[in-house]
Every structure is written in structure tokens, then in C-alpha cells.
Amino acid sequence: MLEEVLIYNKSFVEKRKKLSLDREISGHAQKGVMVFTCMDTRLVGLVEDAMGFERGQVKVLKNAGNTIRENCDDVLRSIALGVLVMGIREVYVVGHKDCGMKKLTAAKIRQAMVDRGIDESVIASADLDKWSGIIDDEVENIKQAVSTIRNYSFIPRDVVVHGLLIDPYSGELEVVRPD
């Protein structure tokens, strides 16, 4: 697969250069917005397009299920850094319908670990529900994430945090929790 990627990339870069699309742009979000969403492949390109954002306008942060897990503050750290040093003023938590993290169980994860050769002692040492970030309900997950971001001590109170639910097929957005 790497060879295919590199062959494609060569023509991609040439095309961008011909169209003068290879100019420098800022690494900071031009719109002052960060989107926190799921890593589901159906959302690649869809979320930004559905919200009207183009390359360079927003920061995008993704993980499995757009969850903020207990005792794991990487998402919060990234959002806080975006706010404190990169000009982020508004955060959108965008969950989606038909999320795979809602369909998972600890038993399925455990079996996948066994199948892939993860040591039994390692598996036994983890609470797989918490470790994986399995969710019960997409809307409740969005509400929880919004609340957690709003209450994180390193995020100033003037930051606006919204919760949205997107349909992974049509791109339709529903407001779950406006700020």
C-alpha cells in the first residue's frame, strides 16, 4: 500500500504546484474553531464540508467515538492548547449516528486482543469498557463531552462549546447542546 500512496502523492504534488495550491498557509485555525469528532471513515471530509469549513480554517481532533475517557486527558490537553496558544475560541463536539463505539462490547474487544496475541495478563489488567471508551448513546456521549470540556480547569470560561450530531450518510447536523 505504501508504494501506491507514494505514486499517487507524486502526481498529487505536481498537480497542486501547477494550480499554485502549494503556497504556505497558517497552522492556526483561521476561523478560531476546533472540531472534535470521531475517527469513523465515513466522516473523513464530510464533517468539515457539512459545516462549511475549508482547509486551514479549523483544527480537527479525532478519536474513537469522540469520547473523553476518565483519567485520559489527551483530548482535553489538545483542546486547551488550541485555545491557549492557537487562537481557538469555539469548540464543536460532533458525534455521529450509527457509531461503532456504541456497537462494541468488552467481550468483542477482549476476543480481538486474544486473536491478535495480546498477553492475557495485559488484557486482565484493564477495564476494557473504560479503556476503549465504549458508549451507550451517541447523544449522551456528546453531552458528556461538552460538559467535560466546559468544566476543564485549563479552558477559559469564554470559550464556546457546542454539541452536534451528524448523519454519516447525508451530512445533516442536529444541535444536541448549544452553548
C-alpha atoms as a PDB file:
ATOM      1  CA  MET A   1       0.000   0.000   0.000  1.00  0.00           C
ATOM      2  CA  LEU A   2       2.862   2.404   0.769  1.00  0.00           C
ATOM      3  CA  GLU A   3       4.075   2.221  -2.823  1.00  0.00           C
ATOM      4  CA  GLU A   4       0.584   3.131  -4.103  1.00  0.00           C
ATOM      5  CA  VAL A   5       0.423   6.064  -1.701  1.00  0.00           C
ATOM      6  CA  LEU A   6       3.793   7.407  -2.813  1.00  0.00           C
ATOM      7  CA  ILE A   7       2.990   7.048  -6.524  1.00  0.00           C
ATOM      8  CA  TYR A   8      -0.300   8.888  -6.019  1.00  0.00           C
ATOM      9  CA  ASN A   9       1.404  11.530  -3.880  1.00  0.00           C
ATOM     10  CA  LYS A  10       3.878  12.379  -6.622  1.00  0.00           C
ATOM     11  CA  SER A  11       1.097  13.262  -9.082  1.00  0.00           C
ATOM     12  CA  PHE A  12      -0.900  14.974  -6.309  1.00  0.00           C
ATOM     13  CA  VAL A  13       2.019  17.302  -5.509  1.00  0.00           C
ATOM     14  CA  GLU A  14       2.664  18.057  -9.189  1.00  0.00           C
ATOM     15  CA  LYS A  15      -0.987  18.959  -9.720  1.00  0.00           C
ATOM     16  CA  ARG A  16      -1.027  21.216  -6.624  1.00  0.00           C
ATOM     17  CA  LYS A  17       2.087  23.010  -7.840  1.00  0.00           C
ATOM     18  CA  LYS A  18       0.612  23.580 -11.325  1.00  0.00           C
ATOM     19  CA  LEU A  19      -2.517  25.055  -9.740  1.00  0.00           C
ATOM     20  CA  SER A  20      -0.437  27.163  -7.287  1.00  0.00           C
ATOM     21  CA  LEU A  21      -2.092  25.382  -4.366  1.00  0.00           C
ATOM     22  CA  ASP A  22       1.242  24.684  -2.686  1.00  0.00           C
ATOM     23  CA  ARG A  23       1.535  28.082  -1.039  1.00  0.00           C
ATOM     24  CA  GLU A  24       2.050  28.389   2.691  1.00  0.00           C
ATOM     25  CA  ILE A  25      -0.953  28.800   4.964  1.00  0.00           C
ATOM     26  CA  SER A  26      -1.087  29.276   8.707  1.00  0.00           C
ATOM     27  CA  GLY A  27      -1.126  26.270  11.008  1.00  0.00           C
ATOM     28  CA  HIS A  28      -3.616  28.144  13.189  1.00  0.00           C
ATOM     29  CA  ALA A  29      -7.344  27.832  12.568  1.00  0.00           C
ATOM     30  CA  GLN A  30      -8.360  30.851  10.505  1.00  0.00           C
ATOM     31  CA  LYS A  31     -11.921  30.669  11.898  1.00  0.00           C
ATOM     32  CA  GLY A  32     -10.828  30.172  15.537  1.00  0.00           C
ATOM     33  CA  VAL A  33     -12.704  26.856  15.619  1.00  0.00           C
ATOM     34  CA  MET A  34     -11.807  23.339  16.697  1.00  0.00           C
ATOM     35  CA  VAL A  35     -13.927  20.338  15.747  1.00  0.00           C
ATOM     36  CA  PHE A  36     -13.718  17.263  17.977  1.00  0.00           C
ATOM     37  CA  THR A  37     -15.215  14.276  16.192  1.00  0.00           C
ATOM     38  CA  CYS A  38     -14.985  10.535  15.683  1.00  0.00           C
ATOM     39  CA  MET A  39     -12.354   8.798  13.573  1.00  0.00           C
ATOM     40  CA  ASP A  40     -15.040   6.908  11.615  1.00  0.00           C
ATOM     41  CA  THR A  41     -14.020   6.747   7.949  1.00  0.00           C
ATOM     42  CA  ARG A  42     -17.464   7.920   6.829  1.00  0.00           C
ATOM     43  CA  LEU A  43     -16.700  11.293   8.412  1.00  0.00           C
ATOM     44  CA  VAL A  44     -13.448  11.953   6.546  1.00  0.00           C
ATOM     45  CA  GLY A  45     -14.087  15.180   4.654  1.00  0.00           C
ATOM     46  CA  LEU A  46     -17.814  15.047   5.447  1.00  0.00           C
ATOM     47  CA  VAL A  47     -17.791  16.896   8.779  1.00  0.00           C
ATOM     48  CA  GLU A  48     -15.836  19.890   7.524  1.00  0.00           C
ATOM     49  CA  ASP A  49     -17.856  20.077   4.295  1.00  0.00           C
ATOM     50  CA  ALA A  50     -21.174  19.779   6.155  1.00  0.00           C
ATOM     51  CA  MET A  51     -20.134  22.646   8.419  1.00  0.00           C
ATOM     52  CA  GLY A  52     -18.859  24.844   5.570  1.00  0.00           C
ATOM     53  CA  PHE A  53     -15.173  24.748   6.547  1.00  0.00           C
ATOM     54  CA  GLU A  54     -12.232  24.542   4.176  1.00  0.00           C
ATOM     55  CA  ARG A  55      -8.598  23.536   4.598  1.00  0.00           C
ATOM     56  CA  GLY A  56      -6.800  25.794   7.042  1.00  0.00           C
ATOM     57  CA  GLN A  57      -9.946  27.220   8.609  1.00  0.00           C
ATOM     58  CA  VAL A  58     -10.383  24.840  11.561  1.00  0.00           C
ATOM     59  CA  LYS A  59      -8.477  22.442  13.786  1.00  0.00           C
ATOM     60  CA  VAL A  60      -9.834  18.892  13.719  1.00  0.00           C
ATOM     61  CA  LEU A  61      -9.294  16.442  16.557  1.00  0.00           C
ATOM     62  CA  LYS A  62     -10.474  12.841  16.218  1.00  0.00           C
ATOM     63  CA  ASN A  63     -10.584   9.697  18.287  1.00  0.00           C
ATOM     64  CA  ALA A  64     -12.658   6.533  18.510  1.00  0.00           C
ATOM     65  CA  GLY A  65     -16.200   7.634  19.362  1.00  0.00           C
ATOM     66  CA  ASN A  66     -15.297  11.274  20.064  1.00  0.00           C
ATOM     67  CA  THR A  67     -15.040  10.263  23.709  1.00  0.00           C
ATOM     68  CA  ILE A  68     -13.257  11.847  26.621  1.00  0.00           C
ATOM     69  CA  ARG A  69     -12.281   8.907  28.788  1.00  0.00           C
ATOM     70  CA  GLU A  70     -11.800   9.004  32.536  1.00  0.00           C
ATOM     71  CA  ASN A  71      -8.161   9.539  33.588  1.00  0.00           C
ATOM     72  CA  CYS A  72      -7.099  10.199  29.994  1.00  0.00           C
ATOM     73  CA  ASP A  73      -6.791  13.899  29.318  1.00  0.00           C
ATOM     74  CA  ASP A  74      -5.141  13.918  25.866  1.00  0.00           C
ATOM     75  CA  VAL A  75      -8.279  15.284  24.197  1.00  0.00           C
ATOM     76  CA  LEU A  76      -8.670  17.975  26.852  1.00  0.00           C
ATOM     77  CA  ARG A  77      -4.954  18.838  26.678  1.00  0.00           C
ATOM     78  CA  SER A  78      -5.174  19.250  22.899  1.00  0.00           C
ATOM     79  CA  ILE A  79      -8.285  21.435  23.103  1.00  0.00           C
ATOM     80  CA  ALA A  80      -6.768  23.542  25.886  1.00  0.00           C
ATOM     81  CA  LEU A  81      -3.554  24.079  23.900  1.00  0.00           C
ATOM     82  CA  GLY A  82      -5.635  25.055  20.878  1.00  0.00           C
ATOM     83  CA  VAL A  83      -7.472  27.610  22.982  1.00  0.00           C
ATOM     84  CA  LEU A  84      -4.487  28.952  24.898  1.00  0.00           C
ATOM     85  CA  VAL A  85      -1.879  29.271  22.140  1.00  0.00           C
ATOM     86  CA  MET A  86      -3.569  28.731  18.766  1.00  0.00           C
ATOM     87  CA  GLY A  87      -6.496  31.146  18.820  1.00  0.00           C
ATOM     88  CA  ILE A  88      -9.368  28.670  19.249  1.00  0.00           C
ATOM     89  CA  ARG A  89     -12.468  30.458  20.555  1.00  0.00           C
ATOM     90  CA  GLU A  90     -15.138  27.911  19.724  1.00  0.00           C
ATOM     91  CA  VAL A  91     -15.251  24.097  20.011  1.00  0.00           C
ATOM     92  CA  TYR A  92     -17.721  21.806  18.258  1.00  0.00           C
ATOM     93  CA  VAL A  93     -18.148  18.277  19.608  1.00  0.00           C
ATOM     94  CA  VAL A  94     -19.534  16.394  16.603  1.00  0.00           C
ATOM     95  CA  GLY A  95     -20.747  12.877  17.300  1.00  0.00           C
ATOM     96  CA  HIS A  96     -22.492  10.797  14.695  1.00  0.00           C
ATOM     97  CA  LYS A  97     -25.377   8.426  14.259  1.00  0.00           C
ATOM     98  CA  ASP A  98     -24.582   4.721  13.870  1.00  0.00           C
ATOM     99  CA  CYS A  99     -21.311   4.991  15.831  1.00  0.00           C
ATOM    100  CA  GLY A 100     -19.248   1.821  16.023  1.00  0.00           C
ATOM    101  CA  MET A 101     -18.256   2.599  19.616  1.00  0.00           C
ATOM    102  CA  LYS A 102     -21.890   2.045  20.559  1.00  0.00           C
ATOM    103  CA  LYS A 103     -21.851  -1.395  18.935  1.00  0.00           C
ATOM    104  CA  LEU A 104     -18.709  -2.622  20.680  1.00  0.00           C
ATOM    105  CA  THR A 105     -18.588  -4.717  23.831  1.00  0.00           C
ATOM    106  CA  ALA A 106     -15.736  -5.521  26.181  1.00  0.00           C
ATOM    107  CA  ALA A 107     -16.111  -9.155  25.138  1.00  0.00           C
ATOM    108  CA  LYS A 108     -15.569  -8.297  21.444  1.00  0.00           C
ATOM    109  CA  ILE A 109     -12.519  -6.197  22.289  1.00  0.00           C
ATOM    110  CA  ARG A 110     -11.130  -8.911  24.536  1.00  0.00           C
ATOM    111  CA  GLN A 111     -11.547 -11.516  21.789  1.00  0.00           C
ATOM    112  CA  ALA A 112      -9.853  -9.259  19.249  1.00  0.00           C
ATOM    113  CA  MET A 113      -6.947  -8.850  21.669  1.00  0.00           C
ATOM    114  CA  VAL A 114      -6.681 -12.607  22.167  1.00  0.00           C
ATOM    115  CA  ASP A 115      -6.866 -13.190  18.405  1.00  0.00           C
ATOM    116  CA  ARG A 116      -4.041 -10.696  17.832  1.00  0.00           C
ATOM    117  CA  GLY A 117      -1.787 -12.201  20.502  1.00  0.00           C
ATOM    118  CA  ILE A 118      -2.099  -9.662  23.302  1.00  0.00           C
ATOM    119  CA  ASP A 119      -0.893 -11.251  26.534  1.00  0.00           C
ATOM    120  CA  GLU A 120      -3.702 -12.438  28.849  1.00  0.00           C
ATOM    121  CA  SER A 121      -2.148 -10.623  31.824  1.00  0.00           C
ATOM    122  CA  VAL A 122      -2.262  -7.355  29.890  1.00  0.00           C
ATOM    123  CA  ILE A 123      -5.899  -7.931  28.967  1.00  0.00           C
ATOM    124  CA  ALA A 124      -6.803  -8.779  32.561  1.00  0.00           C
ATOM    125  CA  SER A 125      -5.114  -5.607  33.844  1.00  0.00           C
ATOM    126  CA  ALA A 126      -7.531  -3.299  32.001  1.00  0.00           C
ATOM    127  CA  ASP A 127     -11.180  -2.386  32.439  1.00  0.00           C
ATOM    128  CA  LEU A 128     -11.917  -2.767  28.722  1.00  0.00           C
ATOM    129  CA  ASP A 129     -15.134  -0.721  28.843  1.00  0.00           C
ATOM    130  CA  LYS A 130     -13.252   2.295  30.229  1.00  0.00           C
ATOM    131  CA  TRP A 131     -10.042   1.678  28.300  1.00  0.00           C
ATOM    132  CA  SER A 132     -11.846   1.557  24.966  1.00  0.00           C
ATOM    133  CA  GLY A 133     -14.377   4.325  25.550  1.00  0.00           C
ATOM    134  CA  ILE A 134     -17.421   2.247  24.656  1.00  0.00           C
ATOM    135  CA  ILE A 135     -20.521   4.464  24.587  1.00  0.00           C
ATOM    136  CA  ASP A 136     -24.158   3.653  25.348  1.00  0.00           C
ATOM    137  CA  ASP A 137     -25.738   6.517  23.422  1.00  0.00           C
ATOM    138  CA  GLU A 138     -24.302   8.940  20.857  1.00  0.00           C
ATOM    139  CA  VAL A 139     -26.301  11.936  22.101  1.00  0.00           C
ATOM    140  CA  GLU A 140     -25.413  11.363  25.759  1.00  0.00           C
ATOM    141  CA  ASN A 141     -21.769  10.946  24.762  1.00  0.00           C
ATOM    142  CA  ILE A 142     -21.855  14.364  23.049  1.00  0.00           C
ATOM    143  CA  LYS A 143     -23.494  15.994  26.087  1.00  0.00           C
ATOM    144  CA  GLN A 144     -20.896  14.452  28.388  1.00  0.00           C
ATOM    145  CA  ALA A 145     -18.012  15.604  26.203  1.00  0.00           C
ATOM    146  CA  VAL A 146     -19.390  19.157  26.022  1.00  0.00           C
ATOM    147  CA  SER A 147     -19.789  19.265  29.798  1.00  0.00           C
ATOM    148  CA  THR A 148     -16.307  17.867  30.399  1.00  0.00           C
ATOM    149  CA  ILE A 149     -14.708  20.416  28.061  1.00  0.00           C
ATOM    150  CA  ARG A 150     -16.635  23.301  29.600  1.00  0.00           C
ATOM    151  CA  ASN A 151     -15.564  22.253  33.097  1.00  0.00           C
ATOM    152  CA  TYR A 152     -11.898  21.549  32.352  1.00  0.00           C
ATOM    153  CA  SER A 153      -9.809  23.864  34.515  1.00  0.00           C
ATOM    154  CA  PHE A 154      -7.349  24.770  31.725  1.00  0.00           C
ATOM    155  CA  ILE A 155     -10.054  26.020  29.353  1.00  0.00           C
ATOM    156  CA  PRO A 156     -11.135  29.637  29.918  1.00  0.00           C
ATOM    157  CA  ARG A 157     -14.826  30.304  30.580  1.00  0.00           C
ATOM    158  CA  ASP A 158     -15.228  32.485  27.470  1.00  0.00           C
ATOM    159  CA  VAL A 159     -14.689  29.518  25.119  1.00  0.00           C
ATOM    160  CA  VAL A 160     -17.914  28.492  23.392  1.00  0.00           C
ATOM    161  CA  VAL A 161     -18.586  24.724  23.263  1.00  0.00           C
ATOM    162  CA  HIS A 162     -21.380  23.258  21.114  1.00  0.00           C
ATOM    163  CA  GLY A 163     -22.571  19.673  20.700  1.00  0.00           C
ATOM    164  CA  LEU A 164     -23.756  18.421  17.298  1.00  0.00           C
ATOM    165  CA  LEU A 165     -24.856  15.065  15.902  1.00  0.00           C
ATOM    166  CA  ILE A 166     -24.158  14.338  12.224  1.00  0.00           C
ATOM    167  CA  ASP A 167     -25.742  11.761   9.977  1.00  0.00           C
ATOM    168  CA  PRO A 168     -22.764   9.879   8.430  1.00  0.00           C
ATOM    169  CA  TYR A 169     -24.585   9.487   5.113  1.00  0.00           C
ATOM    170  CA  SER A 170     -26.466  12.719   4.426  1.00  0.00           C
ATOM    171  CA  GLY A 171     -24.241  15.034   6.458  1.00  0.00           C
ATOM    172  CA  GLU A 172     -27.267  16.559   8.184  1.00  0.00           C
ATOM    173  CA  LEU A 173     -26.394  18.217  11.505  1.00  0.00           C
ATOM    174  CA  GLU A 174     -28.586  18.325  14.590  1.00  0.00           C
ATOM    175  CA  VAL A 175     -27.871  20.582  17.546  1.00  0.00           C
ATOM    176  CA  VAL A 176     -27.590  18.471  20.680  1.00  0.00           C
ATOM    177  CA  ARG A 177     -26.299  21.098  23.049  1.00  0.00           C
ATOM    178  CA  PRO A 178     -25.817  24.703  22.008  1.00  0.00           C
ATOM    179  CA  ASP A 179     -23.615  26.938  24.160  1.00  0.00           C
END
